[in-house]
Amino acid sequence: MPVIPDSTKNSLAQRLRAHAKDNWPQLADVHARYHGQFAYVTGELTDGERLPLVRLRYGGSAHRWGSAIYVASTNSYENQIWFTGSTEEVFDLVCDLHVTNAKP
């Protein structure tokens, strides 16, 4: 099981925050917490509400992550899929699902 290097943790969080700032005005911040090979990404709405968005599984490179989208109805993450796009692209996908229709 690969361990996420601190440099990768820092760059992932910075990239997602910068991307959210430029593309998702509904989000005041993006938070990432780490457990083992996983990064759990949460979006914070401008009213302070936090939405679980995606769980990323480190694939041994800063550019290779598996993704599992948060499903609110089951309060869990869907089965992991390998997403061929960037982390910013999977972030856009989950924000389209969870943030676009969130209450302001």
N, C-alpha and C. Protein backbone atom coordinates (compact mmCIF):
# COMPACT_ATOMS: atom_id res chain seq x y z
N MET A 1 0.86 -1.17 0.00
CA MET A 1 0.00 0.00 0.00
C MET A 1 0.91 1.24 0.00
N PRO A 2 0.85 2.04 -1.08
CA PRO A 2 1.70 3.23 -1.15
C PRO A 2 1.25 4.31 -0.16
N VAL A 3 2.22 4.97 0.42
CA VAL A 3 1.96 6.06 1.36
C VAL A 3 2.03 7.37 0.57
N ILE A 4 1.11 8.27 0.85
CA ILE A 4 1.09 9.56 0.15
C ILE A 4 2.19 10.45 0.74
N PRO A 5 3.15 10.86 -0.08
CA PRO A 5 4.20 11.76 0.42
C PRO A 5 3.62 13.11 0.83
N ASP A 6 4.25 13.75 1.80
CA ASP A 6 3.78 15.06 2.25
C ASP A 6 3.74 16.06 1.10
N SER A 7 4.71 16.01 0.20
CA SER A 7 4.73 16.95 -0.93
C SER A 7 3.51 16.76 -1.83
N THR A 8 3.07 15.52 -2.00
CA THR A 8 1.88 15.24 -2.81
C THR A 8 0.62 15.70 -2.09
N LYS A 9 0.57 15.48 -0.78
CA LYS A 9 -0.57 15.98 0.00
C LYS A 9 -0.70 17.49 -0.14
N ASN A 10 0.41 18.19 0.00
CA ASN A 10 0.39 19.66 -0.10
C ASN A 10 -0.01 20.12 -1.49
N SER A 11 0.55 19.50 -2.52
CA SER A 11 0.24 19.96 -3.88
C SER A 11 -1.20 19.63 -4.25
N LEU A 12 -1.72 18.49 -3.82
CA LEU A 12 -3.11 18.14 -4.11
C LEU A 12 -4.05 19.18 -3.51
N ALA A 13 -3.87 19.48 -2.24
CA ALA A 13 -4.74 20.46 -1.57
C ALA A 13 -4.63 21.83 -2.22
N GLN A 14 -3.43 22.26 -2.55
CA GLN A 14 -3.24 23.57 -3.18
C GLN A 14 -3.89 23.62 -4.56
N ARG A 15 -3.70 22.57 -5.34
CA ARG A 15 -4.29 22.55 -6.69
C ARG A 15 -5.81 22.59 -6.63
N LEU A 16 -6.41 21.81 -5.72
CA LEU A 16 -7.87 21.78 -5.63
C LEU A 16 -8.42 23.11 -5.12
N ARG A 17 -7.73 23.72 -4.16
CA ARG A 17 -8.19 25.04 -3.67
C ARG A 17 -8.12 26.09 -4.78
N ALA A 18 -7.03 26.11 -5.52
CA ALA A 18 -6.88 27.08 -6.61
C ALA A 18 -7.94 26.84 -7.68
N HIS A 19 -8.20 25.59 -8.00
CA HIS A 19 -9.20 25.25 -9.01
C HIS A 19 -10.60 25.67 -8.54
N ALA A 20 -10.91 25.41 -7.28
CA ALA A 20 -12.21 25.80 -6.74
C ALA A 20 -12.37 27.31 -6.75
N LYS A 21 -11.32 28.01 -6.39
CA LYS A 21 -11.38 29.48 -6.37
C LYS A 21 -11.70 30.04 -7.75
N ASP A 22 -11.14 29.44 -8.79
CA ASP A 22 -11.35 29.91 -10.16
C ASP A 22 -12.64 29.42 -10.78
N ASN A 23 -13.20 28.30 -10.30
CA ASN A 23 -14.32 27.67 -11.00
C ASN A 23 -15.57 27.42 -10.17
N TRP A 24 -15.47 27.48 -8.86
CA TRP A 24 -16.60 27.14 -8.01
C TRP A 24 -16.81 28.22 -6.95
N PRO A 25 -17.46 29.33 -7.32
CA PRO A 25 -17.67 30.43 -6.37
C PRO A 25 -18.58 30.05 -5.20
N GLN A 26 -19.31 28.95 -5.32
CA GLN A 26 -20.16 28.48 -4.22
C GLN A 26 -19.31 27.95 -3.05
N LEU A 27 -18.05 27.64 -3.33
CA LEU A 27 -17.18 27.07 -2.31
C LEU A 27 -16.29 28.15 -1.69
N ALA A 28 -16.33 28.22 -0.38
CA ALA A 28 -15.45 29.14 0.35
C ALA A 28 -14.08 28.52 0.55
N ASP A 29 -14.03 27.17 0.61
CA ASP A 29 -12.76 26.49 0.83
C ASP A 29 -12.91 25.03 0.43
N VAL A 30 -11.79 24.39 0.29
CA VAL A 30 -11.72 22.95 0.02
C VAL A 30 -10.80 22.36 1.08
N HIS A 31 -11.24 21.27 1.69
CA HIS A 31 -10.46 20.61 2.73
C HIS A 31 -10.10 19.21 2.27
N ALA A 32 -8.90 18.80 2.59
CA ALA A 32 -8.47 17.43 2.32
C ALA A 32 -7.89 16.86 3.60
N ARG A 33 -8.34 15.68 3.95
CA ARG A 33 -7.75 14.97 5.09
C ARG A 33 -7.28 13.63 4.55
N TYR A 34 -6.31 13.08 5.22
CA TYR A 34 -5.63 11.90 4.70
C TYR A 34 -5.65 10.77 5.71
N HIS A 35 -5.86 9.58 5.20
CA HIS A 35 -5.82 8.37 6.03
C HIS A 35 -5.26 7.26 5.15
N GLY A 36 -4.06 6.82 5.49
CA GLY A 36 -3.42 5.77 4.69
C GLY A 36 -3.20 6.24 3.27
N GLN A 37 -3.70 5.47 2.32
CA GLN A 37 -3.54 5.81 0.92
C GLN A 37 -4.68 6.67 0.37
N PHE A 38 -5.55 7.14 1.25
CA PHE A 38 -6.72 7.89 0.82
C PHE A 38 -6.65 9.37 1.17
N ALA A 39 -7.20 10.18 0.27
CA ALA A 39 -7.43 11.60 0.52
C ALA A 39 -8.94 11.82 0.45
N TYR A 40 -9.50 12.37 1.51
CA TYR A 40 -10.94 12.66 1.57
C TYR A 40 -11.11 14.15 1.34
N VAL A 41 -11.83 14.50 0.28
CA VAL A 41 -11.97 15.90 -0.12
C VAL A 41 -13.38 16.37 0.21
N THR A 42 -13.45 17.48 0.92
CA THR A 42 -14.71 18.09 1.34
C THR A 42 -14.74 19.52 0.86
N GLY A 43 -15.89 19.94 0.36
CA GLY A 43 -16.07 21.34 -0.03
C GLY A 43 -16.80 22.08 1.06
N GLU A 44 -16.38 23.30 1.34
CA GLU A 44 -17.05 24.15 2.33
C GLU A 44 -17.80 25.25 1.59
N LEU A 45 -19.13 25.26 1.74
CA LEU A 45 -19.95 26.28 1.11
C LEU A 45 -19.75 27.62 1.80
N THR A 46 -20.19 28.69 1.15
CA THR A 46 -20.01 30.02 1.72
C THR A 46 -20.74 30.21 3.03
N ASP A 47 -21.77 29.38 3.31
CA ASP A 47 -22.49 29.48 4.60
C ASP A 47 -21.84 28.62 5.68
N GLY A 48 -20.72 27.96 5.36
CA GLY A 48 -20.02 27.14 6.34
C GLY A 48 -20.34 25.67 6.29
N GLU A 49 -21.41 25.30 5.59
CA GLU A 49 -21.75 23.87 5.48
C GLU A 49 -20.65 23.14 4.71
N ARG A 50 -20.32 21.95 5.18
CA ARG A 50 -19.30 21.13 4.51
C ARG A 50 -19.96 19.94 3.83
N LEU A 51 -19.56 19.72 2.58
CA LEU A 51 -20.09 18.62 1.78
C LEU A 51 -18.98 17.63 1.45
N PRO A 52 -19.12 16.37 1.86
CA PRO A 52 -18.17 15.36 1.38
C PRO A 52 -18.31 15.27 -0.13
N LEU A 53 -17.20 15.21 -0.84
CA LEU A 53 -17.25 15.19 -2.30
C LEU A 53 -16.69 13.90 -2.88
N VAL A 54 -15.45 13.60 -2.53
CA VAL A 54 -14.79 12.48 -3.19
C VAL A 54 -13.69 11.91 -2.29
N ARG A 55 -13.46 10.62 -2.46
CA ARG A 55 -12.32 9.97 -1.82
C ARG A 55 -11.37 9.60 -2.94
N LEU A 56 -10.13 10.04 -2.80
CA LEU A 56 -9.11 9.72 -3.80
C LEU A 56 -8.17 8.68 -3.23
N ARG A 57 -7.82 7.69 -4.03
CA ARG A 57 -6.85 6.66 -3.60
C ARG A 57 -5.56 6.88 -4.35
N TYR A 58 -4.51 7.10 -3.60
CA TYR A 58 -3.20 7.37 -4.17
C TYR A 58 -2.71 6.16 -4.95
N GLY A 59 -2.30 6.41 -6.18
CA GLY A 59 -1.84 5.34 -7.05
C GLY A 59 -0.34 5.31 -7.25
N GLY A 60 0.41 5.93 -6.35
CA GLY A 60 1.86 5.90 -6.43
C GLY A 60 2.48 7.08 -7.15
N SER A 61 1.65 8.00 -7.61
CA SER A 61 2.12 9.18 -8.32
C SER A 61 1.16 10.34 -8.03
N ALA A 62 1.69 11.54 -8.04
CA ALA A 62 0.85 12.72 -7.80
C ALA A 62 -0.22 12.87 -8.88
N HIS A 63 -0.06 12.17 -9.99
CA HIS A 63 -1.00 12.29 -11.11
C HIS A 63 -1.81 11.02 -11.34
N ARG A 64 -1.75 10.08 -10.42
CA ARG A 64 -2.53 8.85 -10.57
C ARG A 64 -3.32 8.60 -9.28
N TRP A 65 -4.61 8.79 -9.39
CA TRP A 65 -5.50 8.62 -8.25
C TRP A 65 -6.73 7.83 -8.68
N GLY A 66 -7.18 6.95 -7.82
CA GLY A 66 -8.48 6.35 -8.01
C GLY A 66 -9.50 7.28 -7.38
N SER A 67 -10.73 7.22 -7.83
CA SER A 67 -11.73 8.13 -7.28
C SER A 67 -13.00 7.39 -6.92
N ALA A 68 -13.57 7.77 -5.80
CA ALA A 68 -14.84 7.23 -5.33
C ALA A 68 -15.70 8.42 -4.95
N ILE A 69 -16.81 8.57 -5.62
CA ILE A 69 -17.70 9.71 -5.42
C ILE A 69 -18.57 9.46 -4.19
N TYR A 70 -18.73 10.51 -3.38
CA TYR A 70 -19.58 10.41 -2.19
C TYR A 70 -21.04 10.32 -2.62
N VAL A 71 -21.77 9.41 -1.99
CA VAL A 71 -23.20 9.22 -2.25
C VAL A 71 -23.94 9.51 -0.95
N ALA A 72 -24.65 10.63 -0.93
CA ALA A 72 -25.32 11.07 0.30
C ALA A 72 -26.39 10.09 0.78
N SER A 73 -27.10 9.45 -0.15
CA SER A 73 -28.19 8.55 0.26
C SER A 73 -27.70 7.34 1.04
N THR A 74 -26.44 6.96 0.84
CA THR A 74 -25.88 5.83 1.57
C THR A 74 -24.82 6.27 2.58
N ASN A 75 -24.52 7.58 2.59
CA ASN A 75 -23.50 8.15 3.47
C ASN A 75 -22.18 7.39 3.33
N SER A 76 -21.83 7.12 2.07
CA SER A 76 -20.60 6.38 1.81
C SER A 76 -20.09 6.76 0.42
N TYR A 77 -18.99 6.16 0.05
CA TYR A 77 -18.38 6.41 -1.25
C TYR A 77 -18.68 5.24 -2.17
N GLU A 78 -18.99 5.54 -3.43
CA GLU A 78 -19.29 4.48 -4.39
C GLU A 78 -18.04 3.66 -4.64
N ASN A 79 -18.22 2.51 -5.23
CA ASN A 79 -17.07 1.67 -5.55
C ASN A 79 -16.05 2.47 -6.35
N GLN A 80 -14.83 2.24 -6.04
CA GLN A 80 -13.75 3.00 -6.65
C GLN A 80 -13.63 2.71 -8.14
N ILE A 81 -13.41 3.77 -8.89
CA ILE A 81 -13.15 3.66 -10.31
C ILE A 81 -11.85 4.40 -10.60
N TRP A 82 -11.15 4.00 -11.62
CA TRP A 82 -9.97 4.75 -12.03
C TRP A 82 -10.43 5.78 -13.03
N PHE A 83 -10.17 7.02 -12.70
CA PHE A 83 -10.56 8.15 -13.54
C PHE A 83 -9.34 8.55 -14.35
N THR A 84 -9.50 8.66 -15.66
CA THR A 84 -8.35 8.93 -16.51
C THR A 84 -8.01 10.41 -16.60
N GLY A 85 -8.87 11.27 -16.10
CA GLY A 85 -8.61 12.70 -16.13
C GLY A 85 -7.81 13.14 -14.93
N SER A 86 -7.62 14.43 -14.84
CA SER A 86 -6.88 15.03 -13.73
C SER A 86 -7.74 15.07 -12.47
N THR A 87 -7.10 15.32 -11.35
CA THR A 87 -7.87 15.47 -10.10
C THR A 87 -8.81 16.66 -10.20
N GLU A 88 -8.41 17.69 -10.93
CA GLU A 88 -9.29 18.85 -11.12
C GLU A 88 -10.54 18.46 -11.92
N GLU A 89 -10.38 17.56 -12.88
CA GLU A 89 -11.54 17.12 -13.66
C GLU A 89 -12.50 16.27 -12.83
N VAL A 90 -11.98 15.40 -12.00
CA VAL A 90 -12.87 14.62 -11.13
C VAL A 90 -13.50 15.54 -10.09
N PHE A 91 -12.76 16.56 -9.65
CA PHE A 91 -13.32 17.54 -8.72
C PHE A 91 -14.51 18.26 -9.37
N ASP A 92 -14.36 18.65 -10.64
CA ASP A 92 -15.47 19.29 -11.35
C ASP A 92 -16.68 18.36 -11.46
N LEU A 93 -16.42 17.09 -11.73
CA LEU A 93 -17.51 16.12 -11.82
C LEU A 93 -18.29 16.04 -10.52
N VAL A 94 -17.59 15.89 -9.40
CA VAL A 94 -18.31 15.77 -8.13
C VAL A 94 -18.95 17.09 -7.72
N CYS A 95 -18.34 18.21 -8.07
CA CYS A 95 -18.97 19.50 -7.76
C CYS A 95 -20.24 19.69 -8.60
N ASP A 96 -20.22 19.23 -9.85
CA ASP A 96 -21.43 19.27 -10.66
C ASP A 96 -22.56 18.51 -9.98
N LEU A 97 -22.22 17.40 -9.34
CA LEU A 97 -23.22 16.57 -8.67
C LEU A 97 -23.66 17.14 -7.32
N HIS A 98 -22.72 17.64 -6.53
CA HIS A 98 -23.01 18.00 -5.14
C HIS A 98 -23.10 19.50 -4.86
N VAL A 99 -22.36 20.31 -5.56
CA VAL A 99 -22.29 21.73 -5.24
C VAL A 99 -23.26 22.55 -6.06
N THR A 100 -23.45 22.22 -7.32
CA THR A 100 -24.31 23.00 -8.21
C THR A 100 -25.69 23.21 -7.62
N ASN A 101 -26.26 22.19 -7.01
CA ASN A 101 -27.62 22.28 -6.48
C ASN A 101 -27.67 22.49 -4.97
N ALA A 102 -26.52 22.75 -4.36
CA ALA A 102 -26.50 22.98 -2.90
C ALA A 102 -27.15 24.31 -2.58
N LYS A 103 -27.75 24.37 -1.42
CA LYS A 103 -28.36 25.61 -0.97
C LYS A 103 -27.25 26.64 -0.72
N PRO A 104 -27.49 27.90 -1.12
CA PRO A 104 -26.47 28.93 -0.88
C PRO A 104 -26.31 29.25 0.59
